Amino acid sequence: MPEMPLQEGVIFANELHNIEKHWKDKIKNKKPKGPDSSQKTKYILPMFPYPSGKLHLGHLRVYTISDVLSRYYTLKGYNVIHPIGWDAFGLPAENAAIERGIDPETWTYSNIDLMRKQLQKTGIQFDWDREIFTCKPDYFKWTQWIFLQLYKHGYVRRTMAEVFWDPVDKTVLAAEQVDKEGRAWRSGAMVEKQLRCQWAIETPKLAKRMMRESWIGKCDVFRFLLPIKGKEVSKHEQLFDLRLKDPSDLLSTTFIVVTPKHALAEKNSMLQKDYLVDGVHVFNFLTGLNMPVVVRMKRKTAKAKEGNYGGYATSRICWIGSSPVSAHGALLFRWCWMKKGKVRCRSPKVSCLF
């Protein structure tokens, strides 16, 4: 009878569904053990999903791995915490809600309800009693608290910075979110580089104690935040960030050289030659001088001769001889002068800078 294999397969499939339902009900009603201080603990934290609509294969891959680890350590006698939550903040949710003409909250929580049901069908053992939502005040109040602690201790400040801007999602992107063709990873729009006011985390203040000396090596520098003076300087451009190996180099400095990408450079300038930024000075507190700012337009990738101002390795770091001497697109020199419209400098002996 040709129908028999098919009929047997249908019966077998139905039995599998019944078996699956039986064990899912048992798992669903079996809550994880509570904290036990007598046991060794293991905290297994997979990345929380963004509630964009439905689960995809990547979600199942990640949570299968964390589930295997959770079950393994539970069998080994560990007190395991395997939490789940929803990374529910962000402009994509707002943009999706705008496209559909609904409230972002409605869109987000409807997606969470759907994805929760999908996750529960997989049999992955999450501690659902610890479920969190990053868009709820009981969660993001701690994010705000951490930021306020950083601000209170001087680890964040407002500054102008060049950023990757997505013109469709209207948000700043990390470099990792821009593909090799210069497009935003989510919207597909061509990314624009813009100077925008940002909150900057003062990582240099923490870098020394966090640096892995056995890998990168020890690097001692002095950091200066020099006052910027000028009529056109905004309140977020009032400090010039500079790092030097030898602070005595400030004593013989006459002016500052920056790249065209620096916030102090004139916007949309069509000039092809070096030029002075009109009405802007950087105050040298050691000499009491107001140092003029020169924008270096010429770009080269080759190494420069010792004693002359070299080319740009990138838009942010410049070279004197073969030593990187500054971050943030700015250079400071011991002796500098103008000759036939070009900047000539003798470089300070700089060996290592962040």
C-alpha atoms as a PDB file:
ATOM      1  CA  MET A   1       0.000   0.000   0.000  1.00  0.00           C
ATOM      2  CA  PRO A   2       1.740   3.201  -1.170  1.00  0.00           C
ATOM      3  CA  GLU A   3      -0.050   5.360   1.413  1.00  0.00           C
ATOM      4  CA  MET A   4       1.367   3.528   4.431  1.00  0.00           C
ATOM      5  CA  PRO A   5       4.745   5.294   4.769  1.00  0.00           C
ATOM      6  CA  LEU A   6       3.010   8.669   4.556  1.00  0.00           C
ATOM      7  CA  GLN A   7       0.376   7.664   7.094  1.00  0.00           C
ATOM      8  CA  GLU A   8       3.018   6.326   9.458  1.00  0.00           C
ATOM      9  CA  GLY A   9       4.959   9.556   9.060  1.00  0.00           C
ATOM     10  CA  VAL A  10       1.894  11.632   9.914  1.00  0.00           C
ATOM     11  CA  ILE A  11       1.229   9.514  13.014  1.00  0.00           C
ATOM     12  CA  PHE A  12       4.883   9.780  14.071  1.00  0.00           C
ATOM     13  CA  ALA A  13       4.865  13.562  13.561  1.00  0.00           C
ATOM     14  CA  ASN A  14       1.755  13.907  15.694  1.00  0.00           C
ATOM     15  CA  GLU A  15       3.403  11.851  18.424  1.00  0.00           C
ATOM     16  CA  LEU A  16       6.459  14.135  18.298  1.00  0.00           C
ATOM     17  CA  HIS A  17       4.197  17.154  18.794  1.00  0.00           C
ATOM     18  CA  ASN A  18       2.585  15.463  21.787  1.00  0.00           C
ATOM     19  CA  ILE A  19       5.987  14.593  23.270  1.00  0.00           C
ATOM     20  CA  GLU A  20       7.218  18.121  22.691  1.00  0.00           C
ATOM     21  CA  LYS A  21       4.118  19.617  24.322  1.00  0.00           C
ATOM     22  CA  HIS A  22       4.504  17.306  27.327  1.00  0.00           C
ATOM     23  CA  TRP A  23       8.070  18.388  28.025  1.00  0.00           C
ATOM     24  CA  LYS A  24       7.426  22.051  27.298  1.00  0.00           C
ATOM     25  CA  ASP A  25       4.658  22.063  29.900  1.00  0.00           C
ATOM     26  CA  LYS A  26       7.006  20.472  32.444  1.00  0.00           C
ATOM     27  CA  ILE A  27       9.789  22.959  31.675  1.00  0.00           C
ATOM     28  CA  LYS A  28       7.405  25.922  31.739  1.00  0.00           C
ATOM     29  CA  ASN A  29       6.096  25.025  35.188  1.00  0.00           C
ATOM     30  CA  LYS A  30       9.554  24.297  36.587  1.00  0.00           C
ATOM     31  CA  LYS A  31      11.080  27.531  37.822  1.00  0.00           C
ATOM     32  CA  PRO A  32      14.851  27.917  38.194  1.00  0.00           C
ATOM     33  CA  LYS A  33      16.265  27.429  41.662  1.00  0.00           C
ATOM     34  CA  GLY A  34      16.592  30.508  43.827  1.00  0.00           C
ATOM     35  CA  PRO A  35      19.944  31.876  45.022  1.00  0.00           C
ATOM     36  CA  ASP A  36      21.946  29.459  47.129  1.00  0.00           C
ATOM     37  CA  SER A  37      25.014  30.929  48.821  1.00  0.00           C
ATOM     38  CA  SER A  38      26.393  27.466  49.520  1.00  0.00           C
ATOM     39  CA  GLN A  39      26.860  26.751  45.795  1.00  0.00           C
ATOM     40  CA  LYS A  40      29.371  28.090  43.311  1.00  0.00           C
ATOM     41  CA  THR A  41      27.758  30.698  41.080  1.00  0.00           C
ATOM     42  CA  LYS A  42      27.805  31.176  37.316  1.00  0.00           C
ATOM     43  CA  TYR A  43      26.309  34.202  35.542  1.00  0.00           C
ATOM     44  CA  ILE A  44      25.595  33.434  31.870  1.00  0.00           C
ATOM     45  CA  LEU A  45      24.485  36.553  30.018  1.00  0.00           C
ATOM     46  CA  PRO A  46      23.660  36.347  26.295  1.00  0.00           C
ATOM     47  CA  MET A  47      23.061  39.560  24.378  1.00  0.00           C
ATOM     48  CA  PHE A  48      19.508  40.779  24.866  1.00  0.00           C
ATOM     49  CA  PRO A  49      17.448  40.787  21.644  1.00  0.00           C
ATOM     50  CA  TYR A  50      16.239  44.001  20.066  1.00  0.00           C
ATOM     51  CA  PRO A  51      12.437  43.677  19.632  1.00  0.00           C
ATOM     52  CA  SER A  52      12.389  44.389  15.912  1.00  0.00           C
ATOM     53  CA  GLY A  53       9.546  42.023  14.998  1.00  0.00           C
ATOM     54  CA  LYS A  54      10.325  38.299  14.968  1.00  0.00           C
ATOM     55  CA  LEU A  55      13.160  36.003  15.952  1.00  0.00           C
ATOM     56  CA  HIS A  56      15.662  34.985  13.296  1.00  0.00           C
ATOM     57  CA  LEU A  57      18.281  32.245  13.040  1.00  0.00           C
ATOM     58  CA  GLY A  58      20.943  34.396  14.711  1.00  0.00           C
ATOM     59  CA  HIS A  59      18.841  34.643  17.865  1.00  0.00           C
ATOM     60  CA  LEU A  60      18.441  30.866  18.073  1.00  0.00           C
ATOM     61  CA  ARG A  61      22.145  30.316  17.512  1.00  0.00           C
ATOM     62  CA  VAL A  62      23.179  32.652  20.355  1.00  0.00           C
ATOM     63  CA  TYR A  63      20.577  31.450  22.848  1.00  0.00           C
ATOM     64  CA  THR A  64      21.173  27.774  22.089  1.00  0.00           C
ATOM     65  CA  ILE A  65      24.828  28.290  23.022  1.00  0.00           C
ATOM     66  CA  SER A  66      23.977  30.086  26.271  1.00  0.00           C
ATOM     67  CA  ASP A  67      21.327  27.450  27.072  1.00  0.00           C
ATOM     68  CA  VAL A  68      23.834  24.620  26.642  1.00  0.00           C
ATOM     69  CA  LEU A  69      26.270  26.404  28.965  1.00  0.00           C
ATOM     70  CA  SER A  70      23.513  27.073  31.492  1.00  0.00           C
ATOM     71  CA  ARG A  71      22.394  23.435  31.557  1.00  0.00           C
ATOM     72  CA  TYR A  72      25.984  22.182  31.723  1.00  0.00           C
ATOM     73  CA  TYR A  73      26.910  24.279  34.752  1.00  0.00           C
ATOM     74  CA  THR A  74      23.600  23.473  36.443  1.00  0.00           C
ATOM     75  CA  LEU A  75      24.399  19.753  36.139  1.00  0.00           C
ATOM     76  CA  LYS A  76      27.884  20.492  37.521  1.00  0.00           C
ATOM     77  CA  GLY A  77      26.262  21.846  40.692  1.00  0.00           C
ATOM     78  CA  TYR A  78      26.556  25.582  40.014  1.00  0.00           C
ATOM     79  CA  ASN A  79      23.962  28.150  41.024  1.00  0.00           C
ATOM     80  CA  VAL A  80      23.275  29.484  37.505  1.00  0.00           C
ATOM     81  CA  ILE A  81      21.644  32.771  36.516  1.00  0.00           C
ATOM     82  CA  HIS A  82      20.562  32.809  32.859  1.00  0.00           C
ATOM     83  CA  PRO A  83      18.555  36.040  32.449  1.00  0.00           C
ATOM     84  CA  ILE A  84      16.601  37.419  29.526  1.00  0.00           C
ATOM     85  CA  GLY A  85      15.627  40.969  28.647  1.00  0.00           C
ATOM     86  CA  TRP A  86      14.792  43.306  25.793  1.00  0.00           C
ATOM     87  CA  ASP A  87      17.137  45.946  24.417  1.00  0.00           C
ATOM     88  CA  ALA A  88      14.131  48.089  23.638  1.00  0.00           C
ATOM     89  CA  PHE A  89      15.438  51.652  23.310  1.00  0.00           C
ATOM     90  CA  GLY A  90      16.573  53.208  20.054  1.00  0.00           C
ATOM     91  CA  LEU A  91      15.729  55.248  16.990  1.00  0.00           C
ATOM     92  CA  PRO A  92      14.918  52.203  14.794  1.00  0.00           C
ATOM     93  CA  ALA A  93      11.855  51.523  16.960  1.00  0.00           C
ATOM     94  CA  GLU A  94      10.768  55.142  16.645  1.00  0.00           C
ATOM     95  CA  ASN A  95      11.303  55.156  12.881  1.00  0.00           C
ATOM     96  CA  ALA A  96       9.390  51.880  12.475  1.00  0.00           C
ATOM     97  CA  ALA A  97       6.521  53.325  14.508  1.00  0.00           C
ATOM     98  CA  ILE A  98       6.504  56.495  12.390  1.00  0.00           C
ATOM     99  CA  GLU A  99       6.298  54.399   9.204  1.00  0.00           C
ATOM    100  CA  ARG A 100       3.305  52.488  10.596  1.00  0.00           C
ATOM    101  CA  GLY A 101       1.611  55.478  12.195  1.00  0.00           C
ATOM    102  CA  ILE A 102       1.538  53.973  15.692  1.00  0.00           C
ATOM    103  CA  ASP A 103       3.031  54.816  19.066  1.00  0.00           C
ATOM    104  CA  PRO A 104       6.621  53.500  19.589  1.00  0.00           C
ATOM    105  CA  GLU A 105       5.545  51.942  22.893  1.00  0.00           C
ATOM    106  CA  THR A 106       2.738  50.002  21.203  1.00  0.00           C
ATOM    107  CA  TRP A 107       5.080  48.801  18.461  1.00  0.00           C
ATOM    108  CA  THR A 108       7.834  47.787  20.877  1.00  0.00           C
ATOM    109  CA  TYR A 109       5.694  45.863  23.366  1.00  0.00           C
ATOM    110  CA  SER A 110       3.733  44.050  20.653  1.00  0.00           C
ATOM    111  CA  ASN A 111       7.036  42.811  19.235  1.00  0.00           C
ATOM    112  CA  ILE A 112       8.187  41.756  22.694  1.00  0.00           C
ATOM    113  CA  ASP A 113       5.002  39.725  23.238  1.00  0.00           C
ATOM    114  CA  LEU A 114       5.500  37.930  19.924  1.00  0.00           C
ATOM    115  CA  MET A 115       9.210  37.243  20.429  1.00  0.00           C
ATOM    116  CA  ARG A 116       8.650  36.064  24.004  1.00  0.00           C
ATOM    117  CA  LYS A 117       6.171  33.441  22.772  1.00  0.00           C
ATOM    118  CA  GLN A 118       8.652  32.345  20.116  1.00  0.00           C
ATOM    119  CA  LEU A 119      11.474  32.043  22.643  1.00  0.00           C
ATOM    120  CA  GLN A 120       9.336  30.060  25.066  1.00  0.00           C
ATOM    121  CA  LYS A 121       8.497  27.578  22.296  1.00  0.00           C
ATOM    122  CA  THR A 122      12.190  26.802  21.826  1.00  0.00           C
ATOM    123  CA  GLY A 123      12.489  25.253  25.291  1.00  0.00           C
ATOM    124  CA  ILE A 124      15.487  27.432  26.164  1.00  0.00           C
ATOM    125  CA  GLN A 125      15.641  27.746  29.939  1.00  0.00           C
ATOM    126  CA  PHE A 126      15.702  31.436  30.771  1.00  0.00           C
ATOM    127  CA  ASP A 127      14.961  32.824  34.207  1.00  0.00           C
ATOM    128  CA  TRP A 128      11.794  34.632  33.132  1.00  0.00           C
ATOM    129  CA  ASP A 129      11.277  35.967  36.656  1.00  0.00           C
ATOM    130  CA  ARG A 130      14.299  38.211  35.959  1.00  0.00           C
ATOM    131  CA  GLU A 131      12.991  39.509  32.613  1.00  0.00           C
ATOM    132  CA  ILE A 132      13.952  43.173  32.107  1.00  0.00           C
ATOM    133  CA  PHE A 133      13.011  45.950  29.683  1.00  0.00           C
ATOM    134  CA  THR A 134      15.639  48.605  28.989  1.00  0.00           C
ATOM    135  CA  CYS A 135      12.902  51.114  28.083  1.00  0.00           C
ATOM    136  CA  LYS A 136      11.337  51.018  31.556  1.00  0.00           C
ATOM    137  CA  PRO A 137      12.318  53.553  34.243  1.00  0.00           C
ATOM    138  CA  ASP A 138      13.234  50.837  36.750  1.00  0.00           C
ATOM    139  CA  TYR A 139      16.055  49.872  34.371  1.00  0.00           C
ATOM    140  CA  PHE A 140      17.247  53.045  32.651  1.00  0.00           C
ATOM    141  CA  LYS A 141      17.358  54.992  35.925  1.00  0.00           C
ATOM    142  CA  TRP A 142      20.560  53.048  36.621  1.00  0.00           C
ATOM    143  CA  THR A 143      22.002  54.001  33.237  1.00  0.00           C
ATOM    144  CA  GLN A 144      21.288  57.621  34.147  1.00  0.00           C
ATOM    145  CA  TRP A 145      22.805  57.089  37.590  1.00  0.00           C
ATOM    146  CA  ILE A 146      26.038  55.741  36.079  1.00  0.00           C
ATOM    147  CA  PHE A 147      26.236  58.732  33.714  1.00  0.00           C
ATOM    148  CA  LEU A 148      25.708  61.154  36.602  1.00  0.00           C
ATOM    149  CA  GLN A 149      28.518  59.479  38.539  1.00  0.00           C
ATOM    150  CA  LEU A 150      30.833  59.891  35.546  1.00  0.00           C
ATOM    151  CA  TYR A 151      29.794  63.537  35.231  1.00  0.00           C
ATOM    152  CA  LYS A 152      30.211  64.164  38.961  1.00  0.00           C
ATOM    153  CA  HIS A 153      33.785  62.844  38.891  1.00  0.00           C
ATOM    154  CA  GLY A 154      34.785  64.708  35.731  1.00  0.00           C
ATOM    155  CA  TYR A 155      34.800  61.764  33.321  1.00  0.00           C
ATOM    156  CA  VAL A 156      32.408  63.256  30.739  1.00  0.00           C
ATOM    157  CA  ARG A 157      32.292  66.636  29.016  1.00  0.00           C
ATOM    158  CA  ARG A 158      30.662  68.345  26.050  1.00  0.00           C
ATOM    159  CA  THR A 159      32.813  68.796  22.969  1.00  0.00           C
ATOM    160  CA  MET A 160      32.678  69.117  19.195  1.00  0.00           C
ATOM    161  CA  ALA A 161      33.628  65.910  17.376  1.00  0.00           C
ATOM    162  CA  GLU A 162      33.532  64.516  13.862  1.00  0.00           C
ATOM    163  CA  VAL A 163      30.956  61.730  13.688  1.00  0.00           C
ATOM    164  CA  PHE A 164      29.350  59.360  11.178  1.00  0.00           C
ATOM    165  CA  TRP A 165      25.814  60.650  10.577  1.00  0.00           C
ATOM    166  CA  ASP A 166      22.980  58.561   9.129  1.00  0.00           C
ATOM    167  CA  PRO A 167      20.703  61.007   7.243  1.00  0.00           C
ATOM    168  CA  VAL A 168      17.797  58.523   7.176  1.00  0.00           C
ATOM    169  CA  ASP A 169      17.732  57.286  10.785  1.00  0.00           C
ATOM    170  CA  LYS A 170      19.073  60.695  11.866  1.00  0.00           C
ATOM    171  CA  THR A 171      21.512  59.269  14.366  1.00  0.00           C
ATOM    172  CA  VAL A 172      25.240  58.992  15.029  1.00  0.00           C
ATOM    173  CA  LEU A 173      26.819  55.664  14.047  1.00  0.00           C
ATOM    174  CA  ALA A 174      29.875  53.828  15.297  1.00  0.00           C
ATOM    175  CA  ALA A 175      32.567  53.020  12.733  1.00  0.00           C
ATOM    176  CA  GLU A 176      31.511  49.356  12.924  1.00  0.00           C
ATOM    177  CA  GLN A 177      28.027  50.330  11.711  1.00  0.00           C
ATOM    178  CA  VAL A 178      29.369  51.706   8.417  1.00  0.00           C
ATOM    179  CA  ASP A 179      30.164  49.198   5.647  1.00  0.00           C
ATOM    180  CA  LYS A 180      33.153  49.339   3.295  1.00  0.00           C
ATOM    181  CA  GLU A 181      31.107  51.310   0.766  1.00  0.00           C
ATOM    182  CA  GLY A 182      30.317  53.986   3.333  1.00  0.00           C
ATOM    183  CA  ARG A 183      26.685  52.988   3.870  1.00  0.00           C
ATOM    184  CA  ALA A 184      24.810  52.705   7.168  1.00  0.00           C
ATOM    185  CA  TRP A 185      24.336  49.082   8.185  1.00  0.00           C
ATOM    186  CA  ARG A 186      20.617  49.449   8.956  1.00  0.00           C
ATOM    187  CA  SER A 187      19.180  52.123   6.625  1.00  0.00           C
ATOM    188  CA  GLY A 188      21.591  51.610   3.709  1.00  0.00           C
ATOM    189  CA  ALA A 189      22.023  55.383   3.331  1.00  0.00           C
ATOM    190  CA  MET A 190      25.374  56.934   2.423  1.00  0.00           C
ATOM    191  CA  VAL A 191      26.898  58.097   5.694  1.00  0.00           C
ATOM    192  CA  GLU A 192      27.928  61.728   6.114  1.00  0.00           C
ATOM    193  CA  LYS A 193      30.829  62.991   8.224  1.00  0.00           C
ATOM    194  CA  GLN A 194      29.685  65.910  10.344  1.00  0.00           C
ATOM    195  CA  LEU A 195      30.986  67.990  13.228  1.00  0.00           C
ATOM    196  CA  ARG A 196      28.462  67.719  16.042  1.00  0.00           C
ATOM    197  CA  CYS A 197      28.321  68.508  19.712  1.00  0.00           C
ATOM    198  CA  GLN A 198      28.793  65.262  21.654  1.00  0.00           C
ATOM    199  CA  TRP A 199      29.277  63.952  25.153  1.00  0.00           C
ATOM    200  CA  ALA A 200      32.862  62.688  25.342  1.00  0.00           C
ATOM    201  CA  ILE A 201      33.980  60.154  27.939  1.00  0.00           C
ATOM    202  CA  GLU A 202      37.371  61.081  29.375  1.00  0.00           C
ATOM    203  CA  THR A 203      39.017  57.706  28.762  1.00  0.00           C
ATOM    204  CA  PRO A 204      42.573  59.170  29.026  1.00  0.00           C
ATOM    205  CA  LYS A 205      41.972  59.668  32.745  1.00  0.00           C
ATOM    206  CA  LEU A 206      41.336  55.933  33.094  1.00  0.00           C
ATOM    207  CA  ALA A 207      43.660  54.634  30.396  1.00  0.00           C
ATOM    208  CA  LYS A 208      46.785  54.225  32.485  1.00  0.00           C
ATOM    209  CA  ARG A 209      45.319  51.910  35.102  1.00  0.00           C
ATOM    210  CA  MET A 210      43.290  50.006  32.484  1.00  0.00           C
ATOM    211  CA  MET A 211      46.131  49.576  29.979  1.00  0.00           C
ATOM    212  CA  ARG A 212      47.539  46.085  29.511  1.00  0.00           C
ATOM    213  CA  GLU A 213      51.243  46.836  29.857  1.00  0.00           C
ATOM    214  CA  SER A 214      52.294  43.308  28.904  1.00  0.00           C
ATOM    215  CA  TRP A 215      50.574  43.744  25.545  1.00  0.00           C
ATOM    216  CA  ILE A 216      50.620  47.421  24.559  1.00  0.00           C
ATOM    217  CA  GLY A 217      53.394  48.685  26.794  1.00  0.00           C
ATOM    218  CA  LYS A 218      53.519  51.503  29.283  1.00  0.00           C
ATOM    219  CA  CYS A 219      52.845  54.980  27.911  1.00  0.00           C
ATOM    220  CA  ASP A 220      53.292  58.080  30.056  1.00  0.00           C
ATOM    221  CA  VAL A 221      52.017  61.396  28.739  1.00  0.00           C
ATOM    222  CA  PHE A 222      50.883  64.748  30.040  1.00  0.00           C
ATOM    223  CA  ARG A 223      47.477  65.963  28.963  1.00  0.00           C
ATOM    224  CA  PHE A 224      46.622  69.639  28.638  1.00  0.00           C
ATOM    225  CA  LEU A 225      43.219  71.229  28.116  1.00  0.00           C
ATOM    226  CA  LEU A 226      44.207  74.672  26.849  1.00  0.00           C
ATOM    227  CA  PRO A 227      41.633  77.495  26.765  1.00  0.00           C
ATOM    228  CA  ILE A 228      40.492  78.569  23.300  1.00  0.00           C
ATOM    229  CA  LYS A 229      39.745  82.266  22.846  1.00  0.00           C
ATOM    230  CA  GLY A 230      37.768  83.879  20.062  1.00  0.00           C
ATOM    231  CA  LYS A 231      34.495  85.563  19.195  1.00  0.00           C
ATOM    232  CA  GLU A 232      33.224  82.691  17.042  1.00  0.00           C
ATOM    233  CA  VAL A 233      34.159  79.872  19.433  1.00  0.00           C
ATOM    234  CA  SER A 234      31.090  78.048  20.741  1.00  0.00           C
ATOM    235  CA  LYS A 235      30.746  77.057  24.376  1.00  0.00           C
ATOM    236  CA  HIS A 236      31.478  73.441  23.393  1.00  0.00           C
ATOM    237  CA  GLU A 237      34.797  74.339  21.713  1.00  0.00           C
ATOM    238  CA  GLN A 238      36.389  76.158  24.631  1.00  0.00           C
ATOM    239  CA  LEU A 239      39.164  73.663  25.390  1.00  0.00           C
ATOM    240  CA  PHE A 240      41.953  72.417  23.120  1.00  0.00           C
ATOM    241  CA  ASP A 241      42.863  68.809  23.963  1.00  0.00           C
ATOM    242  CA  LEU A 242      46.614  68.133  23.775  1.00  0.00           C
ATOM    243  CA  ARG A 243      48.891  65.307  24.994  1.00  0.00           C
ATOM    244  CA  LEU A 244      52.685  65.661  25.303  1.00  0.00           C
ATOM    245  CA  LYS A 245      55.539  63.502  26.502  1.00  0.00           C
ATOM    246  CA  ASP A 246      57.550  66.516  27.663  1.00  0.00           C
ATOM    247  CA  PRO A 247      55.505  69.429  29.067  1.00  0.00           C
ATOM    248  CA  SER A 248      58.488  71.778  28.687  1.00  0.00           C
ATOM    249  CA  ASP A 249      57.739  71.823  24.943  1.00  0.00           C
ATOM    250  CA  LEU A 250      54.972  74.267  25.762  1.00  0.00           C
ATOM    251  CA  LEU A 251      57.560  76.860  26.793  1.00  0.00           C
ATOM    252  CA  SER A 252      58.872  77.339  23.249  1.00  0.00           C
ATOM    253  CA  THR A 253      55.666  76.857  21.292  1.00  0.00           C
ATOM    254  CA  THR A 254      54.539  79.740  19.088  1.00  0.00           C
ATOM    255  CA  PHE A 255      51.392  78.447  17.384  1.00  0.00           C
ATOM    256  CA  ILE A 256      49.131  75.463  16.808  1.00  0.00           C
ATOM    257  CA  VAL A 257      48.669  73.476  13.596  1.00  0.00           C
ATOM    258  CA  VAL A 258      45.445  71.539  12.991  1.00  0.00           C
ATOM    259  CA  THR A 259      44.019  69.446  10.172  1.00  0.00           C
ATOM    260  CA  PRO A 260      41.079  70.627   8.028  1.00  0.00           C
ATOM    261  CA  LYS A 261      38.939  68.090   9.930  1.00  0.00           C
ATOM    262  CA  HIS A 262      39.502  69.805  13.272  1.00  0.00           C
ATOM    263  CA  ALA A 263      36.563  71.629  14.850  1.00  0.00           C
ATOM    264  CA  LEU A 264      38.526  74.912  14.808  1.00  0.00           C
ATOM    265  CA  ALA A 265      39.038  74.816  11.034  1.00  0.00           C
ATOM    266  CA  GLU A 266      36.724  77.036   9.029  1.00  0.00           C
ATOM    267  CA  LYS A 267      33.693  75.130   7.814  1.00  0.00           C
ATOM    268  CA  ASN A 268      33.281  74.554   4.064  1.00  0.00           C
ATOM    269  CA  SER A 269      36.539  76.340   3.317  1.00  0.00           C
ATOM    270  CA  MET A 270      37.492  76.268  -0.376  1.00  0.00           C
ATOM    271  CA  LEU A 271      41.085  77.276   0.347  1.00  0.00           C
ATOM    272  CA  GLN A 272      43.803  74.970  -0.947  1.00  0.00           C
ATOM    273  CA  LYS A 273      46.692  76.566   0.963  1.00  0.00           C
ATOM    274  CA  ASP A 274      47.535  76.772   4.638  1.00  0.00           C
ATOM    275  CA  TYR A 275      45.706  79.560   6.417  1.00  0.00           C
ATOM    276  CA  LEU A 276      45.308  81.189   9.814  1.00  0.00           C
ATOM    277  CA  VAL A 277      41.968  80.746  11.568  1.00  0.00           C
ATOM    278  CA  ASP A 278      40.724  84.289  11.928  1.00  0.00           C
ATOM    279  CA  GLY A 279      40.060  85.541  15.445  1.00  0.00           C
ATOM    280  CA  VAL A 280      40.850  82.262  17.244  1.00  0.00           C
ATOM    281  CA  HIS A 281      43.762  81.661  19.636  1.00  0.00           C
ATOM    282  CA  VAL A 282      44.853  78.916  22.012  1.00  0.00           C
ATOM    283  CA  PHE A 283      46.094  80.259  25.343  1.00  0.00           C
ATOM    284  CA  ASN A 284      49.503  78.985  26.490  1.00  0.00           C
ATOM    285  CA  PHE A 285      49.306  79.235  30.265  1.00  0.00           C
ATOM    286  CA  LEU A 286      53.066  78.678  30.671  1.00  0.00           C
ATOM    287  CA  THR A 287      54.106  81.648  28.538  1.00  0.00           C
ATOM    288  CA  GLY A 288      50.950  83.735  28.769  1.00  0.00           C
ATOM    289  CA  LEU A 289      50.761  83.951  24.963  1.00  0.00           C
ATOM    290  CA  ASN A 290      47.679  83.616  22.787  1.00  0.00           C
ATOM    291  CA  MET A 291      48.859  81.192  20.088  1.00  0.00           C
ATOM    292  CA  PRO A 292      47.336  81.518  16.602  1.00  0.00           C
ATOM    293  CA  VAL A 293      45.846  78.454  14.913  1.00  0.00           C
ATOM    294  CA  VAL A 294      47.039  77.392  11.435  1.00  0.00           C
ATOM    295  CA  VAL A 295      45.104  74.939   9.264  1.00  0.00           C
ATOM    296  CA  ARG A 296      47.431  72.691   7.280  1.00  0.00           C
ATOM    297  CA  MET A 297      45.747  71.918   3.936  1.00  0.00           C
ATOM    298  CA  LYS A 298      48.490  69.921   2.206  1.00  0.00           C
ATOM    299  CA  ARG A 299      48.181  66.148   2.633  1.00  0.00           C
ATOM    300  CA  LYS A 300      50.816  63.517   2.085  1.00  0.00           C
ATOM    301  CA  THR A 301      51.115  59.909   3.126  1.00  0.00           C
ATOM    302  CA  ALA A 302      54.897  59.586   2.832  1.00  0.00           C
ATOM    303  CA  LYS A 303      57.158  60.088   5.846  1.00  0.00           C
ATOM    304  CA  ALA A 304      58.577  63.565   6.211  1.00  0.00           C
ATOM    305  CA  LYS A 305      62.184  64.536   6.630  1.00  0.00           C
ATOM    306  CA  GLU A 306      63.269  65.119  10.205  1.00  0.00           C
ATOM    307  CA  GLY A 307      62.732  68.705  11.276  1.00  0.00           C
ATOM    308  CA  ASN A 308      59.933  69.443   8.803  1.00  0.00           C
ATOM    309  CA  TYR A 309      56.213  69.106   9.199  1.00  0.00           C
ATOM    310  CA  GLY A 310      55.149  65.768   7.792  1.00  0.00           C
ATOM    311  CA  GLY A 311      52.050  64.574   6.010  1.00  0.00           C
ATOM    312  CA  TYR A 312      48.791  63.165   7.275  1.00  0.00           C
ATOM    313  CA  ALA A 313      48.659  59.475   7.986  1.00  0.00           C
ATOM    314  CA  THR A 314      44.912  59.806   8.595  1.00  0.00           C
ATOM    315  CA  SER A 315      42.499  62.679   9.049  1.00  0.00           C
ATOM    316  CA  ARG A 316      43.134  62.505  12.774  1.00  0.00           C
ATOM    317  CA  ILE A 317      46.812  61.731  13.355  1.00  0.00           C
ATOM    318  CA  CYS A 318      49.772  63.650  11.991  1.00  0.00           C
ATOM    319  CA  TRP A 319      53.439  62.789  11.773  1.00  0.00           C
ATOM    320  CA  ILE A 320      56.671  64.628  12.486  1.00  0.00           C
ATOM    321  CA  GLY A 321      59.465  62.510  11.128  1.00  0.00           C
ATOM    322  CA  SER A 322      58.196  59.044  11.989  1.00  0.00           C
ATOM    323  CA  SER A 323      56.581  59.760  15.372  1.00  0.00           C
ATOM    324  CA  PRO A 324      52.846  60.237  15.894  1.00  0.00           C
ATOM    325  CA  VAL A 325      52.607  63.389  17.952  1.00  0.00           C
ATOM    326  CA  SER A 326      48.971  64.157  18.586  1.00  0.00           C
ATOM    327  CA  ALA A 327      45.391  62.995  18.606  1.00  0.00           C
ATOM    328  CA  HIS A 328      42.253  64.919  17.688  1.00  0.00           C
ATOM    329  CA  GLY A 329      43.809  66.291  14.497  1.00  0.00           C
ATOM    330  CA  ALA A 330      46.099  68.781  16.232  1.00  0.00           C
ATOM    331  CA  LEU A 331      49.851  69.296  16.481  1.00  0.00           C
ATOM    332  CA  LEU A 332      52.039  71.284  18.798  1.00  0.00           C
ATOM    333  CA  PHE A 333      55.618  72.195  17.853  1.00  0.00           C
ATOM    334  CA  ARG A 334      58.674  73.512  19.645  1.00  0.00           C
ATOM    335  CA  TRP A 335      59.715  75.933  16.881  1.00  0.00           C
ATOM    336  CA  CYS A 336      57.417  76.870  14.011  1.00  0.00           C
ATOM    337  CA  TRP A 337      57.539  79.527  11.328  1.00  0.00           C
ATOM    338  CA  MET A 338      55.960  80.454   8.017  1.00  0.00           C
ATOM    339  CA  LYS A 339      58.120  80.410   4.872  1.00  0.00           C
ATOM    340  CA  LYS A 340      56.705  81.138   1.420  1.00  0.00           C
ATOM    341  CA  GLY A 341      53.218  80.299   2.584  1.00  0.00           C
ATOM    342  CA  LYS A 342      54.243  76.956   4.098  1.00  0.00           C
ATOM    343  CA  VAL A 343      54.522  75.803   7.699  1.00  0.00           C
ATOM    344  CA  ARG A 344      58.046  74.842   8.790  1.00  0.00           C
ATOM    345  CA  CYS A 345      58.669  73.259  12.165  1.00  0.00           C
ATOM    346  CA  ARG A 346      61.292  71.570  14.266  1.00  0.00           C
ATOM    347  CA  SER A 347      59.765  68.712  16.119  1.00  0.00           C
ATOM    348  CA  PRO A 348      59.912  68.073  19.855  1.00  0.00           C
ATOM    349  CA  LYS A 349      61.257  64.689  20.865  1.00  0.00           C
ATOM    350  CA  VAL A 350      58.055  62.746  21.342  1.00  0.00           C
ATOM    351  CA  SER A 351      58.190  59.004  21.872  1.00  0.00           C
ATOM    352  CA  CYS A 352      54.718  57.953  22.909  1.00  0.00           C
ATOM    353  CA  LEU A 353      51.294  59.540  22.984  1.00  0.00           C
ATOM    354  CA  PHE A 354      47.717  58.306  23.241  1.00  0.00           C
END
